[in-house]
Amino acid sequence: MSEIRDDRRYQSSHEWVLIEGDVAVVGISDFAQDSLGDVVYFDLPEEGDEVTKGESFAEVESVKAVSDVYAPANGTIVAINEALSDNPELINQDPYGAGWMIKIKLEDAASYNGLLDSEAYKANCEG
């Protein structure tokens, strides 16, 4: 079974979110990286880009497929994990740590509502 951390919220599309004040750290779950296989490229978005909940902000390319990554909340990208440009395999090696993708300054806390807790996400993955 893939690791699902209790300190995060998830989207059914397999992105995780860790809230730090008014900033959301975003990445893809262990389940997602395992399903994708070896990640070979991450299309970095731009700092300052506006993101809208449910809309794609980047693509992850693996040996199996190219997949969109969806914003879990409305806001502005305030940081990008530049390390993924040269080392996209960090997404596989440490999806909840060094493999984080972006940080979003949340537009409003309500846009974060509706995300899955760890139990609901686990049921989503098993379903």
Protein backbone atom coordinates (compact mmCIF):
# COMPACT_ATOMS: atom_id res chain seq x y z
CA MET A 1 0.00 0.00 0.00
CA SER A 2 1.20 3.49 -0.81
CA GLU A 3 2.03 5.88 1.99
CA ILE A 4 -0.75 8.36 2.78
CA ARG A 5 0.17 11.00 5.35
CA ASP A 6 -2.36 12.19 7.91
CA ASP A 7 -0.99 15.76 8.04
CA ARG A 8 -2.13 16.55 4.49
CA ARG A 9 -5.26 16.90 2.42
CA TYR A 10 -5.68 15.31 -0.99
CA GLN A 11 -7.53 15.67 -4.26
CA SER A 12 -9.07 12.68 -5.97
CA SER A 13 -6.67 13.48 -8.84
CA HIS A 14 -3.81 12.54 -6.42
CA GLU A 15 -2.29 15.89 -5.48
CA TRP A 16 -1.47 16.48 -1.81
CA VAL A 17 -1.60 19.77 0.08
CA LEU A 18 0.15 20.78 3.29
CA ILE A 19 -1.01 24.11 4.72
CA GLU A 20 1.65 26.34 6.30
CA GLY A 21 -0.11 29.52 7.43
CA ASP A 22 -1.59 31.11 4.29
CA VAL A 23 0.59 29.03 1.95
CA ALA A 24 -0.23 25.62 0.50
CA VAL A 25 2.66 23.30 -0.35
CA VAL A 26 1.61 21.02 -3.24
CA GLY A 27 2.92 17.78 -4.68
CA ILE A 28 1.65 14.44 -5.94
CA SER A 29 0.96 11.52 -3.67
CA ASP A 30 2.99 8.37 -3.24
CA PHE A 31 0.12 6.51 -4.93
CA ALA A 32 0.35 8.84 -7.96
CA GLN A 33 4.12 8.63 -8.36
CA ASP A 34 3.96 4.84 -8.04
CA SER A 35 1.23 4.67 -10.69
CA LEU A 36 3.18 6.93 -13.04
CA GLY A 37 6.44 5.01 -12.83
CA ASP A 38 9.79 6.73 -13.23
CA VAL A 39 9.30 10.48 -13.60
CA VAL A 40 11.61 11.86 -16.29
CA TYR A 41 10.37 15.46 -16.62
CA PHE A 42 8.41 18.05 -14.67
CA ASP A 43 7.12 21.09 -16.58
CA LEU A 44 7.80 23.87 -14.09
CA PRO A 45 5.17 26.60 -13.91
CA GLU A 46 6.21 30.22 -13.31
CA GLU A 47 6.42 31.95 -9.96
CA GLY A 48 3.68 34.58 -9.87
CA ASP A 49 1.28 32.50 -11.99
CA GLU A 50 -2.32 32.48 -10.78
CA VAL A 51 -3.83 29.03 -10.23
CA THR A 52 -7.46 28.04 -10.03
CA LYS A 53 -8.71 25.08 -8.05
CA GLY A 54 -9.25 22.09 -10.32
CA GLU A 55 -7.26 23.49 -13.25
CA SER A 56 -3.93 22.11 -14.48
CA PHE A 57 -0.83 24.08 -13.50
CA ALA A 58 1.86 21.67 -14.81
CA GLU A 59 2.60 18.34 -16.42
CA VAL A 60 4.59 15.40 -15.13
CA GLU A 61 6.13 13.11 -17.72
CA SER A 62 7.03 9.56 -16.81
CA VAL A 63 8.19 6.55 -18.77
CA LYS A 64 4.51 5.53 -18.94
CA ALA A 65 2.57 8.73 -19.59
CA VAL A 66 2.24 12.51 -19.42
CA SER A 67 -0.14 13.61 -16.66
CA ASP A 68 -1.57 16.97 -15.68
CA VAL A 69 -1.14 18.23 -12.13
CA TYR A 70 -4.16 20.13 -10.80
CA ALA A 71 -4.29 23.05 -8.40
CA PRO A 72 -5.95 22.17 -5.08
CA ALA A 73 -6.89 25.78 -4.29
CA ASN A 74 -7.08 29.28 -5.76
CA GLY A 75 -4.05 31.49 -5.36
CA THR A 76 -0.68 32.66 -6.63
CA ILE A 77 2.42 30.52 -7.02
CA VAL A 78 5.02 31.96 -4.62
CA ALA A 79 7.67 29.23 -4.89
CA ILE A 80 8.64 26.49 -7.32
CA ASN A 81 10.81 23.51 -6.51
CA GLU A 82 13.63 24.35 -8.93
CA ALA A 83 15.44 21.12 -7.96
CA LEU A 84 12.86 19.20 -10.02
CA SER A 85 14.18 20.81 -13.20
CA ASP A 86 17.41 18.80 -13.01
CA ASN A 87 16.18 16.01 -10.73
CA PRO A 88 12.56 15.09 -11.56
CA GLU A 89 13.18 11.69 -9.97
CA LEU A 90 12.82 13.41 -6.57
CA ILE A 91 9.08 13.11 -7.19
CA ASN A 92 9.49 9.32 -7.06
CA GLN A 93 12.11 9.21 -4.34
CA ASP A 94 10.48 11.57 -1.83
CA PRO A 95 6.99 12.66 -2.98
CA TYR A 96 6.08 14.19 0.41
CA GLY A 97 9.42 15.91 1.02
CA ALA A 98 12.06 16.87 -1.54
CA GLY A 99 9.60 16.10 -4.35
CA TRP A 100 7.19 18.94 -3.52
CA MET A 101 6.25 20.97 -6.62
CA ILE A 102 4.92 24.42 -5.82
CA LYS A 103 3.82 26.68 -3.00
CA ILE A 104 0.61 28.67 -3.43
CA LYS A 105 -0.33 31.77 -1.46
CA LEU A 106 -3.97 30.99 -0.82
CA GLU A 107 -6.49 33.46 -2.19
CA ASP A 108 -9.03 32.39 0.42
CA ALA A 109 -9.27 29.57 2.92
CA ALA A 110 -12.60 28.46 1.46
CA SER A 111 -10.92 27.32 -1.77
CA TYR A 112 -9.13 24.69 0.33
CA ASN A 113 -12.46 23.24 1.52
CA GLY A 114 -13.63 20.01 -0.02
CA LEU A 115 -10.25 18.32 -0.14
CA LEU A 116 -10.05 14.75 1.13
CA ASP A 117 -8.59 13.80 4.48
CA SER A 118 -6.23 10.82 4.59
CA GLU A 119 -9.01 8.27 5.23
CA ALA A 120 -11.18 9.54 2.40
CA TYR A 121 -8.17 9.62 0.08
CA LYS A 122 -7.25 6.06 1.03
CA ALA A 123 -10.81 4.96 0.14
CA ASN A 124 -10.47 6.89 -3.16
CA CYS A 125 -7.27 4.99 -4.01
CA GLU A 126 -8.78 1.63 -3.11
CA GLY A 127 -12.00 2.29 -5.03
